[in-house]
Amino acid sequence: MSTINQLIDALKILIGVGVTGRVIFCLIKIMCSEEERSSYKRKIINIVIFGVLAELCLVIKDVVMYYY
């Protein structure tokens, strides 16, 4: 079980870094290309939604593991 918890902790870190890196990348692309601004704004919104849902799933897992 400790191996699984270590993998989940690593996944938490990777999700956070990945979401942050992707948002920064999209912001840089927005600065470089004004024509594709709406496309990258949509991508940023989707990335943030993914990050929130991923963290929510991991928090629910922690709550379930705490009570059971």
N, C-alpha and C. Protein backbone atom coordinates (compact mmCIF):
# COMPACT_ATOMS: atom_id res chain seq x y z
N MET A 1 0.83 -1.20 0.00
CA MET A 1 0.00 0.00 0.00
C MET A 1 0.87 1.25 0.00
N SER A 2 2.03 1.19 0.63
CA SER A 2 2.89 2.37 0.67
C SER A 2 3.42 2.72 -0.72
N THR A 3 3.63 1.71 -1.56
CA THR A 3 4.09 1.96 -2.93
C THR A 3 3.02 2.72 -3.72
N ILE A 4 1.77 2.32 -3.53
CA ILE A 4 0.68 3.00 -4.22
C ILE A 4 0.57 4.44 -3.74
N ASN A 5 0.69 4.65 -2.43
CA ASN A 5 0.63 6.01 -1.90
C ASN A 5 1.78 6.86 -2.42
N GLN A 6 2.95 6.29 -2.57
CA GLN A 6 4.09 7.03 -3.12
C GLN A 6 3.82 7.40 -4.59
N LEU A 7 3.24 6.48 -5.34
CA LEU A 7 2.89 6.77 -6.74
C LEU A 7 1.84 7.87 -6.83
N ILE A 8 0.86 7.84 -5.94
CA ILE A 8 -0.18 8.87 -5.93
C ILE A 8 0.41 10.23 -5.57
N ASP A 9 1.33 10.26 -4.60
CA ASP A 9 1.99 11.51 -4.24
C ASP A 9 2.80 12.06 -5.41
N ALA A 10 3.48 11.18 -6.13
CA ALA A 10 4.23 11.61 -7.30
C ALA A 10 3.29 12.12 -8.38
N LEU A 11 2.15 11.47 -8.53
CA LEU A 11 1.16 11.90 -9.51
C LEU A 11 0.61 13.29 -9.17
N LYS A 12 0.39 13.56 -7.88
CA LYS A 12 -0.06 14.88 -7.46
C LYS A 12 0.93 15.95 -7.90
N ILE A 13 2.20 15.69 -7.69
CA ILE A 13 3.24 16.65 -8.07
C ILE A 13 3.27 16.83 -9.58
N LEU A 14 3.22 15.72 -10.31
CA LEU A 14 3.27 15.79 -11.77
C LEU A 14 2.07 16.53 -12.36
N ILE A 15 0.90 16.35 -11.78
CA ILE A 15 -0.29 17.05 -12.26
C ILE A 15 -0.13 18.54 -12.05
N GLY A 16 0.32 18.93 -10.87
CA GLY A 16 0.51 20.35 -10.59
C GLY A 16 1.53 21.00 -11.50
N VAL A 17 2.66 20.32 -11.69
CA VAL A 17 3.71 20.85 -12.56
C VAL A 17 3.24 20.89 -14.01
N GLY A 18 2.55 19.85 -14.44
CA GLY A 18 2.07 19.79 -15.81
C GLY A 18 1.05 20.87 -16.12
N VAL A 19 0.11 21.08 -15.20
CA VAL A 19 -0.90 22.11 -15.40
C VAL A 19 -0.24 23.49 -15.44
N THR A 20 0.65 23.75 -14.52
CA THR A 20 1.34 25.04 -14.48
C THR A 20 2.17 25.26 -15.74
N GLY A 21 2.90 24.25 -16.14
CA GLY A 21 3.73 24.37 -17.34
C GLY A 21 2.90 24.60 -18.59
N ARG A 22 1.79 23.89 -18.71
CA ARG A 22 0.94 24.04 -19.89
C ARG A 22 0.29 25.42 -19.93
N VAL A 23 -0.14 25.95 -18.78
CA VAL A 23 -0.72 27.28 -18.74
C VAL A 23 0.31 28.33 -19.14
N ILE A 24 1.53 28.20 -18.62
CA ILE A 24 2.59 29.14 -18.99
C ILE A 24 2.88 29.05 -20.48
N PHE A 25 2.93 27.85 -21.02
CA PHE A 25 3.15 27.67 -22.46
C PHE A 25 2.06 28.35 -23.27
N CYS A 26 0.80 28.16 -22.87
CA CYS A 26 -0.31 28.79 -23.60
C CYS A 26 -0.26 30.31 -23.48
N LEU A 27 0.13 30.83 -22.32
CA LEU A 27 0.24 32.28 -22.18
C LEU A 27 1.33 32.84 -23.09
N ILE A 28 2.43 32.13 -23.21
CA ILE A 28 3.50 32.56 -24.12
C ILE A 28 3.00 32.53 -25.56
N LYS A 29 2.28 31.48 -25.94
CA LYS A 29 1.74 31.40 -27.29
C LYS A 29 0.74 32.52 -27.57
N ILE A 30 -0.03 32.92 -26.55
CA ILE A 30 -0.97 34.02 -26.71
C ILE A 30 -0.21 35.32 -26.99
N MET A 31 0.90 35.53 -26.29
CA MET A 31 1.69 36.74 -26.51
C MET A 31 2.30 36.76 -27.90
N CYS A 32 2.64 35.60 -28.43
CA CYS A 32 3.29 35.54 -29.74
C CYS A 32 2.29 35.60 -30.89
N SER A 33 1.12 35.03 -30.70
CA SER A 33 0.16 34.92 -31.80
C SER A 33 -1.20 35.47 -31.37
N GLU A 34 -1.50 36.68 -31.78
CA GLU A 34 -2.77 37.30 -31.41
C GLU A 34 -3.97 36.65 -32.12
N GLU A 35 -3.73 36.05 -33.29
CA GLU A 35 -4.84 35.46 -34.04
C GLU A 35 -5.43 34.25 -33.33
N GLU A 36 -4.63 33.53 -32.60
CA GLU A 36 -5.09 32.31 -31.95
C GLU A 36 -5.41 32.52 -30.46
N ARG A 37 -5.66 33.75 -30.08
CA ARG A 37 -5.90 34.08 -28.67
C ARG A 37 -7.09 33.32 -28.10
N SER A 38 -8.22 33.29 -28.80
CA SER A 38 -9.41 32.62 -28.27
C SER A 38 -9.19 31.12 -28.13
N SER A 39 -8.45 30.55 -29.05
CA SER A 39 -8.16 29.12 -28.98
C SER A 39 -7.35 28.78 -27.74
N TYR A 40 -6.33 29.58 -27.47
CA TYR A 40 -5.49 29.30 -26.30
C TYR A 40 -6.19 29.65 -24.99
N LYS A 41 -7.09 30.62 -25.01
CA LYS A 41 -7.89 30.90 -23.81
C LYS A 41 -8.75 29.69 -23.46
N ARG A 42 -9.36 29.09 -24.49
CA ARG A 42 -10.18 27.89 -24.27
C ARG A 42 -9.33 26.76 -23.72
N LYS A 43 -8.11 26.63 -24.26
CA LYS A 43 -7.22 25.57 -23.77
C LYS A 43 -6.84 25.80 -22.32
N ILE A 44 -6.58 27.05 -21.95
CA ILE A 44 -6.23 27.36 -20.56
C ILE A 44 -7.39 27.02 -19.63
N ILE A 45 -8.60 27.36 -20.04
CA ILE A 45 -9.77 27.04 -19.21
C ILE A 45 -9.90 25.53 -19.04
N ASN A 46 -9.72 24.77 -20.11
CA ASN A 46 -9.80 23.31 -20.03
C ASN A 46 -8.69 22.74 -19.14
N ILE A 47 -7.50 23.32 -19.21
CA ILE A 47 -6.40 22.85 -18.39
C ILE A 47 -6.70 23.08 -16.91
N VAL A 48 -7.23 24.26 -16.59
CA VAL A 48 -7.55 24.56 -15.19
C VAL A 48 -8.66 23.64 -14.70
N ILE A 49 -9.65 23.38 -15.53
CA ILE A 49 -10.73 22.46 -15.14
C ILE A 49 -10.16 21.06 -14.89
N PHE A 50 -9.26 20.61 -15.75
CA PHE A 50 -8.63 19.31 -15.54
C PHE A 50 -7.87 19.29 -14.21
N GLY A 51 -7.11 20.33 -13.93
CA GLY A 51 -6.34 20.38 -12.69
C GLY A 51 -7.24 20.33 -11.46
N VAL A 52 -8.34 21.06 -11.50
CA VAL A 52 -9.27 21.06 -10.37
C VAL A 52 -9.90 19.69 -10.20
N LEU A 53 -10.34 19.08 -11.29
CA LEU A 53 -10.97 17.76 -11.20
C LEU A 53 -9.98 16.69 -10.73
N ALA A 54 -8.75 16.77 -11.20
CA ALA A 54 -7.74 15.79 -10.77
C ALA A 54 -7.46 15.92 -9.28
N GLU A 55 -7.33 17.16 -8.80
CA GLU A 55 -7.09 17.35 -7.37
C GLU A 55 -8.30 16.93 -6.55
N LEU A 56 -9.50 17.18 -7.08
CA LEU A 56 -10.71 16.78 -6.38
C LEU A 56 -10.78 15.27 -6.23
N CYS A 57 -10.43 14.55 -7.27
CA CYS A 57 -10.42 13.08 -7.20
C CYS A 57 -9.44 12.59 -6.15
N LEU A 58 -8.28 13.21 -6.09
CA LEU A 58 -7.28 12.79 -5.12
C LEU A 58 -7.69 13.13 -3.69
N VAL A 59 -8.38 14.26 -3.50
CA VAL A 59 -8.87 14.62 -2.17
C VAL A 59 -9.96 13.66 -1.73
N ILE A 60 -10.85 13.30 -2.65
CA ILE A 60 -11.90 12.34 -2.31
C ILE A 60 -11.28 11.00 -1.93
N LYS A 61 -10.24 10.59 -2.64
CA LYS A 61 -9.55 9.35 -2.31
C LYS A 61 -8.96 9.43 -0.90
N ASP A 62 -8.37 10.57 -0.55
CA ASP A 62 -7.79 10.74 0.78
C ASP A 62 -8.86 10.68 1.87
N VAL A 63 -10.01 11.29 1.61
CA VAL A 63 -11.10 11.27 2.59
C VAL A 63 -11.62 9.85 2.78
N VAL A 64 -11.79 9.13 1.70
CA VAL A 64 -12.27 7.74 1.79
C VAL A 64 -11.26 6.87 2.54
N MET A 65 -10.00 7.04 2.24
CA MET A 65 -8.96 6.25 2.92
C MET A 65 -8.89 6.60 4.41
N TYR A 66 -9.16 7.82 4.76
CA TYR A 66 -9.12 8.25 6.17
C TYR A 66 -10.26 7.60 6.96
N TYR A 67 -11.45 7.56 6.37
CA TYR A 67 -12.60 7.04 7.10
C TYR A 67 -12.70 5.52 7.06
N TYR A 68 -12.10 4.89 6.05
CA TYR A 68 -12.19 3.44 5.96
C TYR A 68 -10.84 2.88 6.07
